[in-house]
Amino acid sequence: MTPAPGYDEERLADLLRGLPPAPPAWVTAAQELPLARLGLDEIVDRARKDEAFRKALIADLESALAGAGYVPDPLLLESVRDRLGR
């Protein structure tokens, strides 16, 4: 990646060091995002391959996810709906 004109890597590093630390919630979210995405990918893949699971998701998304061992938080529910086109 090429730095913006007029800024070398050391200058950019100095500028970044001057920023306040990220809020703890942002750090936690960034750490959990890869795992959440993996879970979402697993759910969608299973729904595409398993007709009974797909029908259960369509009938009652929250219960189907809970029954499959997922925590049906609002973000996961919205993401599954988006990915499955519901």
N, C-alpha and C. Protein backbone atom coordinates (compact mmCIF):
# COMPACT_ATOMS: atom_id res chain seq x y z
N MET A 1 0.85 -1.18 0.00
CA MET A 1 0.00 0.00 0.00
C MET A 1 0.89 1.24 0.00
N THR A 2 0.61 2.15 -0.86
CA THR A 2 1.41 3.36 -0.99
C THR A 2 0.81 4.44 -0.10
N PRO A 3 1.66 5.07 0.74
CA PRO A 3 1.15 6.15 1.59
C PRO A 3 0.67 7.33 0.74
N ALA A 4 -0.17 8.15 1.34
CA ALA A 4 -0.65 9.35 0.66
C ALA A 4 0.53 10.25 0.33
N PRO A 5 0.43 11.01 -0.73
CA PRO A 5 1.53 11.91 -1.11
C PRO A 5 1.89 12.84 0.05
N GLY A 6 3.18 13.00 0.29
CA GLY A 6 3.63 13.90 1.34
C GLY A 6 3.74 13.26 2.71
N TYR A 7 3.37 12.00 2.83
CA TYR A 7 3.47 11.31 4.12
C TYR A 7 4.24 10.02 3.92
N ASP A 8 5.32 9.88 4.66
CA ASP A 8 6.02 8.60 4.60
C ASP A 8 5.50 7.71 5.73
N GLU A 9 5.94 6.48 5.75
CA GLU A 9 5.44 5.53 6.74
C GLU A 9 5.73 5.97 8.17
N GLU A 10 6.88 6.55 8.39
CA GLU A 10 7.22 7.00 9.75
C GLU A 10 6.30 8.13 10.19
N ARG A 11 6.01 9.05 9.30
CA ARG A 11 5.11 10.15 9.64
C ARG A 11 3.71 9.62 9.94
N LEU A 12 3.23 8.68 9.12
CA LEU A 12 1.92 8.09 9.38
C LEU A 12 1.90 7.35 10.72
N ALA A 13 2.98 6.65 11.03
CA ALA A 13 3.06 5.96 12.32
C ALA A 13 3.00 6.96 13.47
N ASP A 14 3.69 8.08 13.33
CA ASP A 14 3.65 9.12 14.37
C ASP A 14 2.23 9.66 14.54
N LEU A 15 1.56 9.90 13.43
CA LEU A 15 0.18 10.41 13.50
C LEU A 15 -0.75 9.39 14.17
N LEU A 16 -0.59 8.12 13.82
CA LEU A 16 -1.43 7.08 14.42
C LEU A 16 -1.17 6.95 15.92
N ARG A 17 0.09 7.06 16.32
CA ARG A 17 0.42 6.98 17.74
C ARG A 17 -0.22 8.12 18.52
N GLY A 18 -0.48 9.23 17.87
CA GLY A 18 -1.08 10.38 18.53
C GLY A 18 -2.58 10.24 18.75
N LEU A 19 -3.20 9.27 18.13
CA LEU A 19 -4.63 9.07 18.30
C LEU A 19 -4.93 8.43 19.65
N PRO A 20 -6.10 8.73 20.20
CA PRO A 20 -6.46 8.05 21.46
C PRO A 20 -6.70 6.57 21.19
N PRO A 21 -6.59 5.75 22.23
CA PRO A 21 -6.85 4.32 22.04
C PRO A 21 -8.30 4.09 21.63
N ALA A 22 -8.50 3.01 20.91
CA ALA A 22 -9.86 2.64 20.50
C ALA A 22 -10.67 2.28 21.73
N PRO A 23 -11.97 2.60 21.72
CA PRO A 23 -12.81 2.21 22.85
C PRO A 23 -12.79 0.68 23.02
N PRO A 24 -12.85 0.21 24.26
CA PRO A 24 -12.80 -1.23 24.51
C PRO A 24 -13.84 -2.02 23.72
N ALA A 25 -15.03 -1.46 23.54
CA ALA A 25 -16.07 -2.18 22.79
C ALA A 25 -15.65 -2.39 21.34
N TRP A 26 -14.93 -1.44 20.76
CA TRP A 26 -14.45 -1.57 19.38
C TRP A 26 -13.42 -2.69 19.29
N VAL A 27 -12.54 -2.73 20.29
CA VAL A 27 -11.50 -3.77 20.30
C VAL A 27 -12.15 -5.14 20.42
N THR A 28 -13.10 -5.28 21.32
CA THR A 28 -13.80 -6.55 21.49
C THR A 28 -14.52 -6.95 20.22
N ALA A 29 -15.21 -6.01 19.59
CA ALA A 29 -15.94 -6.31 18.35
C ALA A 29 -14.97 -6.75 17.26
N ALA A 30 -13.84 -6.10 17.15
CA ALA A 30 -12.85 -6.46 16.13
C ALA A 30 -12.30 -7.85 16.38
N GLN A 31 -12.15 -8.23 17.64
CA GLN A 31 -11.64 -9.56 17.97
C GLN A 31 -12.68 -10.64 17.70
N GLU A 32 -13.95 -10.31 17.89
CA GLU A 32 -15.02 -11.30 17.73
C GLU A 32 -15.51 -11.42 16.30
N LEU A 33 -15.26 -10.44 15.47
CA LEU A 33 -15.79 -10.43 14.11
C LEU A 33 -15.42 -11.65 13.29
N PRO A 34 -14.16 -12.08 13.27
CA PRO A 34 -13.85 -13.28 12.47
C PRO A 34 -14.63 -14.52 12.91
N LEU A 35 -14.80 -14.69 14.21
CA LEU A 35 -15.56 -15.84 14.70
C LEU A 35 -17.03 -15.71 14.34
N ALA A 36 -17.56 -14.51 14.43
CA ALA A 36 -18.97 -14.29 14.08
C ALA A 36 -19.19 -14.55 12.60
N ARG A 37 -18.28 -14.10 11.77
CA ARG A 37 -18.42 -14.32 10.33
C ARG A 37 -18.34 -15.81 10.01
N LEU A 38 -17.45 -16.51 10.70
CA LEU A 38 -17.34 -17.96 10.49
C LEU A 38 -18.66 -18.64 10.85
N GLY A 39 -19.25 -18.25 11.97
CA GLY A 39 -20.53 -18.82 12.37
C GLY A 39 -21.61 -18.53 11.35
N LEU A 40 -21.63 -17.31 10.84
CA LEU A 40 -22.62 -16.94 9.82
C LEU A 40 -22.43 -17.77 8.56
N ASP A 41 -21.18 -17.92 8.13
CA ASP A 41 -20.89 -18.73 6.94
C ASP A 41 -21.34 -20.17 7.13
N GLU A 42 -21.11 -20.71 8.34
CA GLU A 42 -21.53 -22.09 8.63
C GLU A 42 -23.04 -22.23 8.56
N ILE A 43 -23.76 -21.26 9.13
CA ILE A 43 -25.22 -21.31 9.13
C ILE A 43 -25.76 -21.27 7.71
N VAL A 44 -25.26 -20.35 6.91
CA VAL A 44 -25.74 -20.20 5.53
C VAL A 44 -25.39 -21.44 4.71
N ASP A 45 -24.20 -21.94 4.89
CA ASP A 45 -23.80 -23.15 4.14
C ASP A 45 -24.69 -24.33 4.52
N ARG A 46 -24.95 -24.49 5.81
CA ARG A 46 -25.81 -25.59 6.25
C ARG A 46 -27.23 -25.41 5.71
N ALA A 47 -27.72 -24.17 5.71
CA ALA A 47 -29.08 -23.92 5.21
C ALA A 47 -29.19 -24.25 3.72
N ARG A 48 -28.12 -24.03 2.98
CA ARG A 48 -28.14 -24.35 1.55
C ARG A 48 -28.09 -25.85 1.29
N LYS A 49 -27.45 -26.59 2.20
CA LYS A 49 -27.27 -28.02 2.00
C LYS A 49 -28.34 -28.87 2.68
N ASP A 50 -28.95 -28.34 3.75
CA ASP A 50 -29.87 -29.11 4.58
C ASP A 50 -31.27 -28.50 4.49
N GLU A 51 -32.14 -29.14 3.73
CA GLU A 51 -33.47 -28.60 3.50
C GLU A 51 -34.28 -28.46 4.79
N ALA A 52 -34.16 -29.44 5.68
CA ALA A 52 -34.91 -29.37 6.94
C ALA A 52 -34.44 -28.17 7.79
N PHE A 53 -33.15 -27.94 7.84
CA PHE A 53 -32.61 -26.81 8.60
C PHE A 53 -33.07 -25.50 7.95
N ARG A 54 -33.03 -25.43 6.62
CA ARG A 54 -33.47 -24.23 5.91
C ARG A 54 -34.94 -23.94 6.21
N LYS A 55 -35.77 -24.98 6.18
CA LYS A 55 -37.20 -24.79 6.48
C LYS A 55 -37.40 -24.34 7.92
N ALA A 56 -36.61 -24.89 8.83
CA ALA A 56 -36.70 -24.47 10.24
C ALA A 56 -36.31 -23.01 10.39
N LEU A 57 -35.26 -22.58 9.67
CA LEU A 57 -34.84 -21.18 9.72
C LEU A 57 -35.95 -20.27 9.21
N ILE A 58 -36.59 -20.68 8.14
CA ILE A 58 -37.66 -19.87 7.56
C ILE A 58 -38.86 -19.80 8.49
N ALA A 59 -39.20 -20.92 9.11
CA ALA A 59 -40.36 -20.99 9.99
C ALA A 59 -40.16 -20.18 11.27
N ASP A 60 -38.99 -20.33 11.89
CA ASP A 60 -38.72 -19.64 13.16
C ASP A 60 -37.21 -19.52 13.30
N LEU A 61 -36.67 -18.45 12.74
CA LEU A 61 -35.23 -18.25 12.69
C LEU A 61 -34.58 -18.33 14.07
N GLU A 62 -35.11 -17.60 15.01
CA GLU A 62 -34.50 -17.53 16.34
C GLU A 62 -34.46 -18.91 17.01
N SER A 63 -35.55 -19.63 16.98
CA SER A 63 -35.60 -20.96 17.61
C SER A 63 -34.69 -21.95 16.89
N ALA A 64 -34.66 -21.87 15.56
CA ALA A 64 -33.81 -22.80 14.79
C ALA A 64 -32.34 -22.57 15.12
N LEU A 65 -31.94 -21.30 15.22
CA LEU A 65 -30.54 -21.02 15.55
C LEU A 65 -30.21 -21.46 16.97
N ALA A 66 -31.10 -21.18 17.91
CA ALA A 66 -30.88 -21.59 19.30
C ALA A 66 -30.80 -23.11 19.39
N GLY A 67 -31.67 -23.79 18.66
CA GLY A 67 -31.66 -25.25 18.67
C GLY A 67 -30.41 -25.84 18.05
N ALA A 68 -29.76 -25.08 17.16
CA ALA A 68 -28.53 -25.54 16.53
C ALA A 68 -27.29 -25.11 17.33
N GLY A 69 -27.50 -24.48 18.48
CA GLY A 69 -26.38 -24.13 19.35
C GLY A 69 -25.82 -22.74 19.15
N TYR A 70 -26.51 -21.89 18.40
CA TYR A 70 -26.06 -20.51 18.19
C TYR A 70 -26.81 -19.58 19.12
N VAL A 71 -26.16 -18.50 19.51
CA VAL A 71 -26.83 -17.48 20.31
C VAL A 71 -27.50 -16.53 19.33
N PRO A 72 -28.82 -16.52 19.30
CA PRO A 72 -29.54 -15.73 18.29
C PRO A 72 -29.62 -14.24 18.64
N ASP A 73 -28.46 -13.57 18.67
CA ASP A 73 -28.48 -12.14 18.97
C ASP A 73 -28.99 -11.36 17.76
N PRO A 74 -29.44 -10.14 17.95
CA PRO A 74 -30.05 -9.37 16.86
C PRO A 74 -29.17 -9.23 15.61
N LEU A 75 -27.87 -9.04 15.79
CA LEU A 75 -26.98 -8.89 14.64
C LEU A 75 -26.91 -10.18 13.83
N LEU A 76 -26.83 -11.33 14.51
CA LEU A 76 -26.79 -12.61 13.81
C LEU A 76 -28.10 -12.84 13.07
N LEU A 77 -29.22 -12.55 13.72
CA LEU A 77 -30.52 -12.74 13.08
C LEU A 77 -30.62 -11.90 11.80
N GLU A 78 -30.23 -10.64 11.90
CA GLU A 78 -30.28 -9.74 10.74
C GLU A 78 -29.34 -10.23 9.63
N SER A 79 -28.15 -10.67 10.02
CA SER A 79 -27.18 -11.13 9.04
C SER A 79 -27.64 -12.39 8.32
N VAL A 80 -28.23 -13.32 9.06
CA VAL A 80 -28.73 -14.54 8.43
C VAL A 80 -29.88 -14.20 7.48
N ARG A 81 -30.78 -13.33 7.92
CA ARG A 81 -31.88 -12.91 7.04
C ARG A 81 -31.34 -12.30 5.75
N ASP A 82 -30.35 -11.43 5.87
CA ASP A 82 -29.76 -10.80 4.69
C ASP A 82 -29.12 -11.81 3.77
N ARG A 83 -28.35 -12.72 4.34
CA ARG A 83 -27.63 -13.70 3.52
C ARG A 83 -28.56 -14.69 2.86
N LEU A 84 -29.68 -15.01 3.50
CA LEU A 84 -30.61 -15.96 2.92
C LEU A 84 -31.68 -15.27 2.06
N GLY A 85 -31.59 -13.95 1.98
CA GLY A 85 -32.52 -13.21 1.13
C GLY A 85 -33.93 -13.14 1.68
N ARG A 86 -34.04 -13.11 3.00
CA ARG A 86 -35.37 -13.05 3.62
C ARG A 86 -35.68 -11.64 4.06
